[in-house]
Amino acid sequence: MANANAPFGLRPVRGAYSQPYSDAATVYSAAAADATVIRYGDPVTVTGAARADGTAIVTRSTAGTGNAITGVAVGFRPYGATEWLGYRPASTDYEVLVEDNPLIEFEMMEDSDGGALSVDQAGANVSIIFGTATGNRSAAMIDSSTVGTTVGLQLRLLGLAKRVDNEPGVNAVWRVRLNNVTTTPNGASTGI
């Protein structure tokens, strides 16, 4: 069975110490001046600015080596609203719920551009790449052409996701952790 080509960004699946994911997240803000859409599963990065109430402002992370990630967007709502939405439209003032614990384990699909990752690459580092998103879900994927040991790579491969609809090869889903993060001083580490 071939893996589906259906990117979904970063999906939290397990807590820091192998416990089930508990939906714990931190409220950040996305500024109306930011013309980038943020979708569920998109990696986000703090901008260094904050709202008047002190809430830190995030934007969708930049893909590629050396670009740190704060966390992953898991919820959205306009300021003053009581209902959470599936994404943050461009150029709107929104609250963004972010899973920012650097020890959370995520699942993410690889892009298989230039070849699929092999199972023996668990422990290596990779960067993300953005595909063309539609709807509420992120189109961020593992950039399989960046696999290496460089500290500045954004994710650490933990292994192939153990799922009945997943197998090694093109568009495989991997277990990953954030590697190059803004929330932990000197958090990035060399892959193996």
C-alpha atoms as a PDB file:
ATOM      1  CA  MET A   1       0.000   0.000   0.000  1.00  0.00           C
ATOM      2  CA  ALA A   2       1.439   3.364  -0.995  1.00  0.00           C
ATOM      3  CA  ASN A   3       1.469   6.220   1.509  1.00  0.00           C
ATOM      4  CA  ALA A   4      -1.021   9.006   0.812  1.00  0.00           C
ATOM      5  CA  ASN A   5       0.362  12.321  -0.396  1.00  0.00           C
ATOM      6  CA  ALA A   6      -1.600  14.357   2.167  1.00  0.00           C
ATOM      7  CA  PRO A   7       0.565  16.752   4.201  1.00  0.00           C
ATOM      8  CA  PHE A   8      -0.828  17.865   7.562  1.00  0.00           C
ATOM      9  CA  GLY A   9       2.001  19.842   9.141  1.00  0.00           C
ATOM     10  CA  LEU A  10       3.168  18.924  12.625  1.00  0.00           C
ATOM     11  CA  ARG A  11       0.623  16.879  14.579  1.00  0.00           C
ATOM     12  CA  PRO A  12       1.258  16.533  18.346  1.00  0.00           C
ATOM     13  CA  VAL A  13       1.007  12.894  19.402  1.00  0.00           C
ATOM     14  CA  ARG A  14       2.915  12.322  22.619  1.00  0.00           C
ATOM     15  CA  GLY A  15       4.065  14.232  25.665  1.00  0.00           C
ATOM     16  CA  ALA A  16       7.589  14.777  26.849  1.00  0.00           C
ATOM     17  CA  TYR A  17       7.850  11.592  28.869  1.00  0.00           C
ATOM     18  CA  SER A  18       5.898   9.150  26.659  1.00  0.00           C
ATOM     19  CA  GLN A  19       2.525  10.084  28.134  1.00  0.00           C
ATOM     20  CA  PRO A  20      -0.360  10.784  25.738  1.00  0.00           C
ATOM     21  CA  TYR A  21      -0.531  14.318  24.362  1.00  0.00           C
ATOM     22  CA  SER A  22      -2.575  16.457  26.772  1.00  0.00           C
ATOM     23  CA  ASP A  23      -3.549  19.442  24.604  1.00  0.00           C
ATOM     24  CA  ALA A  24      -1.572  21.831  26.801  1.00  0.00           C
ATOM     25  CA  ALA A  25      -0.619  24.963  24.897  1.00  0.00           C
ATOM     26  CA  THR A  26       0.223  28.641  25.357  1.00  0.00           C
ATOM     27  CA  VAL A  27      -1.709  31.613  23.984  1.00  0.00           C
ATOM     28  CA  TYR A  28       0.306  33.856  21.657  1.00  0.00           C
ATOM     29  CA  SER A  29      -0.833  36.564  19.251  1.00  0.00           C
ATOM     30  CA  ALA A  30      -0.668  37.062  15.488  1.00  0.00           C
ATOM     31  CA  ALA A  31      -0.546  40.699  14.428  1.00  0.00           C
ATOM     32  CA  ALA A  32      -2.923  42.209  11.887  1.00  0.00           C
ATOM     33  CA  ALA A  33       0.122  43.533  10.014  1.00  0.00           C
ATOM     34  CA  ASP A  34       1.262  39.944   9.286  1.00  0.00           C
ATOM     35  CA  ALA A  35       0.011  38.939   5.821  1.00  0.00           C
ATOM     36  CA  THR A  36       0.870  35.243   6.291  1.00  0.00           C
ATOM     37  CA  VAL A  37      -1.908  32.710   6.921  1.00  0.00           C
ATOM     38  CA  ILE A  38      -1.220  30.408   9.886  1.00  0.00           C
ATOM     39  CA  ARG A  39      -2.862  26.975   9.761  1.00  0.00           C
ATOM     40  CA  TYR A  40      -3.287  24.134  12.229  1.00  0.00           C
ATOM     41  CA  GLY A  41       0.032  22.270  12.325  1.00  0.00           C
ATOM     42  CA  ASP A  42       2.161  25.181  11.096  1.00  0.00           C
ATOM     43  CA  PRO A  43       5.393  25.806  12.981  1.00  0.00           C
ATOM     44  CA  VAL A  44       5.497  29.340  14.395  1.00  0.00           C
ATOM     45  CA  THR A  45       8.249  31.605  15.715  1.00  0.00           C
ATOM     46  CA  VAL A  46       8.133  34.524  18.133  1.00  0.00           C
ATOM     47  CA  THR A  47       8.862  37.838  16.441  1.00  0.00           C
ATOM     48  CA  GLY A  48      10.376  39.644  19.420  1.00  0.00           C
ATOM     49  CA  ALA A  49       7.331  41.920  19.697  1.00  0.00           C
ATOM     50  CA  ALA A  50       4.304  41.748  21.992  1.00  0.00           C
ATOM     51  CA  ARG A  51       0.801  43.161  22.291  1.00  0.00           C
ATOM     52  CA  ALA A  52       0.102  45.904  24.835  1.00  0.00           C
ATOM     53  CA  ASP A  53      -1.123  43.202  27.253  1.00  0.00           C
ATOM     54  CA  GLY A  54       2.263  41.448  27.046  1.00  0.00           C
ATOM     55  CA  THR A  55       1.196  38.552  24.822  1.00  0.00           C
ATOM     56  CA  ALA A  56       4.111  37.561  22.582  1.00  0.00           C
ATOM     57  CA  ILE A  57       3.520  37.819  18.833  1.00  0.00           C
ATOM     58  CA  VAL A  58       4.259  34.865  16.525  1.00  0.00           C
ATOM     59  CA  THR A  59       4.421  34.408  12.773  1.00  0.00           C
ATOM     60  CA  ARG A  60       4.632  31.286  10.636  1.00  0.00           C
ATOM     61  CA  SER A  61       8.193  29.965  10.843  1.00  0.00           C
ATOM     62  CA  THR A  62      10.578  30.283   7.933  1.00  0.00           C
ATOM     63  CA  ALA A  63      11.606  26.936   6.470  1.00  0.00           C
ATOM     64  CA  GLY A  64      15.273  26.047   6.335  1.00  0.00           C
ATOM     65  CA  THR A  65      18.440  25.520   8.292  1.00  0.00           C
ATOM     66  CA  GLY A  66      19.138  28.098  10.977  1.00  0.00           C
ATOM     67  CA  ASN A  67      15.522  29.244  11.376  1.00  0.00           C
ATOM     68  CA  ALA A  68      14.378  28.480  14.918  1.00  0.00           C
ATOM     69  CA  ILE A  69      10.836  27.389  15.802  1.00  0.00           C
ATOM     70  CA  THR A  70       8.911  28.370  18.954  1.00  0.00           C
ATOM     71  CA  GLY A  71       6.162  25.775  18.643  1.00  0.00           C
ATOM     72  CA  VAL A  72       3.247  24.517  16.583  1.00  0.00           C
ATOM     73  CA  ALA A  73      -0.106  26.241  16.036  1.00  0.00           C
ATOM     74  CA  VAL A  74      -2.957  24.123  17.430  1.00  0.00           C
ATOM     75  CA  GLY A  75      -5.831  26.633  17.723  1.00  0.00           C
ATOM     76  CA  PHE A  76      -6.989  30.121  16.723  1.00  0.00           C
ATOM     77  CA  ARG A  77      -9.569  32.739  17.633  1.00  0.00           C
ATOM     78  CA  PRO A  78     -10.159  36.397  16.866  1.00  0.00           C
ATOM     79  CA  TYR A  79      -9.564  38.709  19.815  1.00  0.00           C
ATOM     80  CA  GLY A  80     -12.740  39.022  21.845  1.00  0.00           C
ATOM     81  CA  ALA A  81     -14.340  35.873  20.381  1.00  0.00           C
ATOM     82  CA  THR A  82     -15.222  32.798  22.415  1.00  0.00           C
ATOM     83  CA  GLU A  83     -15.018  30.230  19.617  1.00  0.00           C
ATOM     84  CA  TRP A  84     -11.753  28.718  18.370  1.00  0.00           C
ATOM     85  CA  LEU A  85     -11.345  28.481  14.588  1.00  0.00           C
ATOM     86  CA  GLY A  86      -9.351  26.173  12.312  1.00  0.00           C
ATOM     87  CA  TYR A  87      -6.820  28.707  11.021  1.00  0.00           C
ATOM     88  CA  ARG A  88      -5.712  32.336  11.262  1.00  0.00           C
ATOM     89  CA  PRO A  89      -6.518  34.333   8.104  1.00  0.00           C
ATOM     90  CA  ALA A  90      -3.885  36.711   6.748  1.00  0.00           C
ATOM     91  CA  SER A  91      -3.769  40.259   8.109  1.00  0.00           C
ATOM     92  CA  THR A  92      -6.061  39.658  11.085  1.00  0.00           C
ATOM     93  CA  ASP A  93      -5.510  40.182  14.798  1.00  0.00           C
ATOM     94  CA  TYR A  94      -5.859  36.686  16.309  1.00  0.00           C
ATOM     95  CA  GLU A  95      -4.931  34.680  19.346  1.00  0.00           C
ATOM     96  CA  VAL A  96      -2.875  31.642  18.360  1.00  0.00           C
ATOM     97  CA  LEU A  97      -2.768  28.618  20.649  1.00  0.00           C
ATOM     98  CA  VAL A  98       0.761  27.187  20.381  1.00  0.00           C
ATOM     99  CA  GLU A  99       2.170  23.891  21.609  1.00  0.00           C
ATOM    100  CA  ASP A 100       5.555  25.265  22.682  1.00  0.00           C
ATOM    101  CA  ASN A 101       6.954  22.466  24.843  1.00  0.00           C
ATOM    102  CA  PRO A 102      10.191  21.506  23.033  1.00  0.00           C
ATOM    103  CA  LEU A 103       9.925  17.920  24.295  1.00  0.00           C
ATOM    104  CA  ILE A 104       6.569  17.131  22.648  1.00  0.00           C
ATOM    105  CA  GLU A 105       6.653  14.468  19.946  1.00  0.00           C
ATOM    106  CA  PHE A 106       4.953  15.204  16.633  1.00  0.00           C
ATOM    107  CA  GLU A 107       4.149  13.302  13.463  1.00  0.00           C
ATOM    108  CA  MET A 108       4.976  14.831  10.090  1.00  0.00           C
ATOM    109  CA  MET A 109       4.978  13.621   6.493  1.00  0.00           C
ATOM    110  CA  GLU A 110       8.153  13.758   4.420  1.00  0.00           C
ATOM    111  CA  ASP A 111       8.176  15.378   0.991  1.00  0.00           C
ATOM    112  CA  SER A 112      10.389  12.631  -0.545  1.00  0.00           C
ATOM    113  CA  ASP A 113      11.835  15.235  -2.915  1.00  0.00           C
ATOM    114  CA  GLY A 114      14.957  13.672  -4.367  1.00  0.00           C
ATOM    115  CA  GLY A 115      14.205  10.361  -2.668  1.00  0.00           C
ATOM    116  CA  ALA A 116      12.557   9.025   0.448  1.00  0.00           C
ATOM    117  CA  LEU A 117      14.208   8.932   3.859  1.00  0.00           C
ATOM    118  CA  SER A 118      15.366   5.514   5.035  1.00  0.00           C
ATOM    119  CA  VAL A 119      14.501   4.070   8.437  1.00  0.00           C
ATOM    120  CA  ASP A 120      18.173   4.063   9.449  1.00  0.00           C
ATOM    121  CA  GLN A 121      18.146   7.881   9.374  1.00  0.00           C
ATOM    122  CA  ALA A 122      16.308   8.059  12.710  1.00  0.00           C
ATOM    123  CA  GLY A 123      18.320  10.356  14.959  1.00  0.00           C
ATOM    124  CA  ALA A 124      19.309  12.664  12.117  1.00  0.00           C
ATOM    125  CA  ASN A 125      18.147  16.262  11.794  1.00  0.00           C
ATOM    126  CA  VAL A 126      16.058  17.754   8.968  1.00  0.00           C
ATOM    127  CA  SER A 127      14.407  21.039   8.055  1.00  0.00           C
ATOM    128  CA  ILE A 128      10.831  21.749   7.079  1.00  0.00           C
ATOM    129  CA  ILE A 129       9.460  22.806   3.717  1.00  0.00           C
ATOM    130  CA  PHE A 130       6.042  24.292   2.943  1.00  0.00           C
ATOM    131  CA  GLY A 131       3.823  22.882   0.222  1.00  0.00           C
ATOM    132  CA  THR A 132       0.674  24.542  -1.086  1.00  0.00           C
ATOM    133  CA  ALA A 133      -1.945  24.488   1.661  1.00  0.00           C
ATOM    134  CA  THR A 134      -5.684  24.348   1.168  1.00  0.00           C
ATOM    135  CA  GLY A 135      -8.250  24.555   3.929  1.00  0.00           C
ATOM    136  CA  ASN A 136      -7.337  24.666   7.606  1.00  0.00           C
ATOM    137  CA  ARG A 137      -4.408  22.213   7.632  1.00  0.00           C
ATOM    138  CA  SER A 138      -0.763  23.084   7.224  1.00  0.00           C
ATOM    139  CA  ALA A 139       1.138  21.813   4.200  1.00  0.00           C
ATOM    140  CA  ALA A 140       4.465  21.822   6.060  1.00  0.00           C
ATOM    141  CA  MET A 141       6.509  18.669   5.491  1.00  0.00           C
ATOM    142  CA  ILE A 142       9.904  17.213   6.310  1.00  0.00           C
ATOM    143  CA  ASP A 143      12.377  18.391   3.677  1.00  0.00           C
ATOM    144  CA  SER A 144      13.990  15.012   3.002  1.00  0.00           C
ATOM    145  CA  SER A 145      16.782  16.598   0.971  1.00  0.00           C
ATOM    146  CA  THR A 146      18.144  18.318   4.114  1.00  0.00           C
ATOM    147  CA  VAL A 147      18.858  15.233   6.248  1.00  0.00           C
ATOM    148  CA  GLY A 148      22.089  15.641   8.201  1.00  0.00           C
ATOM    149  CA  THR A 149      23.688  16.313  11.558  1.00  0.00           C
ATOM    150  CA  THR A 150      23.745  20.119  11.415  1.00  0.00           C
ATOM    151  CA  VAL A 151      22.667  21.783  14.668  1.00  0.00           C
ATOM    152  CA  GLY A 152      20.599  24.442  12.857  1.00  0.00           C
ATOM    153  CA  LEU A 153      18.267  21.929  11.192  1.00  0.00           C
ATOM    154  CA  GLN A 154      14.748  22.388  12.539  1.00  0.00           C
ATOM    155  CA  LEU A 155      13.587  18.864  13.444  1.00  0.00           C
ATOM    156  CA  ARG A 156      15.021  15.640  14.871  1.00  0.00           C
ATOM    157  CA  LEU A 157      13.829  12.382  13.281  1.00  0.00           C
ATOM    158  CA  LEU A 158      12.803   9.944  16.038  1.00  0.00           C
ATOM    159  CA  GLY A 159      11.677   7.120  13.775  1.00  0.00           C
ATOM    160  CA  LEU A 160       8.958   6.065  11.400  1.00  0.00           C
ATOM    161  CA  ALA A 161       5.453   6.571  12.830  1.00  0.00           C
ATOM    162  CA  LYS A 162       3.936   3.224  13.811  1.00  0.00           C
ATOM    163  CA  ARG A 163       0.609   3.340  11.979  1.00  0.00           C
ATOM    164  CA  VAL A 164      -1.245   0.823   9.838  1.00  0.00           C
ATOM    165  CA  ASP A 165      -1.469   3.353   7.001  1.00  0.00           C
ATOM    166  CA  ASN A 166       2.259   4.158   6.987  1.00  0.00           C
ATOM    167  CA  GLU A 167       5.257   2.369   5.523  1.00  0.00           C
ATOM    168  CA  PRO A 168       8.855   3.333   4.714  1.00  0.00           C
ATOM    169  CA  GLY A 169       9.200   5.147   1.413  1.00  0.00           C
ATOM    170  CA  VAL A 170       7.632   8.031  -0.462  1.00  0.00           C
ATOM    171  CA  ASN A 171       5.430  10.301   1.707  1.00  0.00           C
ATOM    172  CA  ALA A 172       6.161   8.341   4.894  1.00  0.00           C
ATOM    173  CA  VAL A 173       5.039   9.823   8.207  1.00  0.00           C
ATOM    174  CA  TRP A 174       7.790  10.246  10.797  1.00  0.00           C
ATOM    175  CA  ARG A 175       7.906  10.875  14.530  1.00  0.00           C
ATOM    176  CA  VAL A 176       9.843  14.110  15.112  1.00  0.00           C
ATOM    177  CA  ARG A 177      10.771  16.594  17.810  1.00  0.00           C
ATOM    178  CA  LEU A 178      11.616  20.255  17.387  1.00  0.00           C
ATOM    179  CA  ASN A 179      15.407  20.612  17.295  1.00  0.00           C
ATOM    180  CA  ASN A 180      16.203  24.265  16.596  1.00  0.00           C
ATOM    181  CA  VAL A 181      13.899  26.002  19.084  1.00  0.00           C
ATOM    182  CA  THR A 182      13.545  29.498  20.520  1.00  0.00           C
ATOM    183  CA  THR A 183      12.198  28.274  23.870  1.00  0.00           C
ATOM    184  CA  THR A 184      15.343  26.528  25.107  1.00  0.00           C
ATOM    185  CA  PRO A 185      18.720  28.262  25.198  1.00  0.00           C
ATOM    186  CA  ASN A 186      21.176  26.263  23.097  1.00  0.00           C
ATOM    187  CA  GLY A 187      18.393  23.750  22.470  1.00  0.00           C
ATOM    188  CA  ALA A 188      19.536  22.599  19.044  1.00  0.00           C
ATOM    189  CA  SER A 189      21.745  19.546  18.957  1.00  0.00           C
ATOM    190  CA  THR A 190      23.809  17.674  16.427  1.00  0.00           C
ATOM    191  CA  GLY A 191      22.073  14.691  14.845  1.00  0.00           C
ATOM    192  CA  ILE A 192      23.603  11.240  14.608  1.00  0.00           C
END
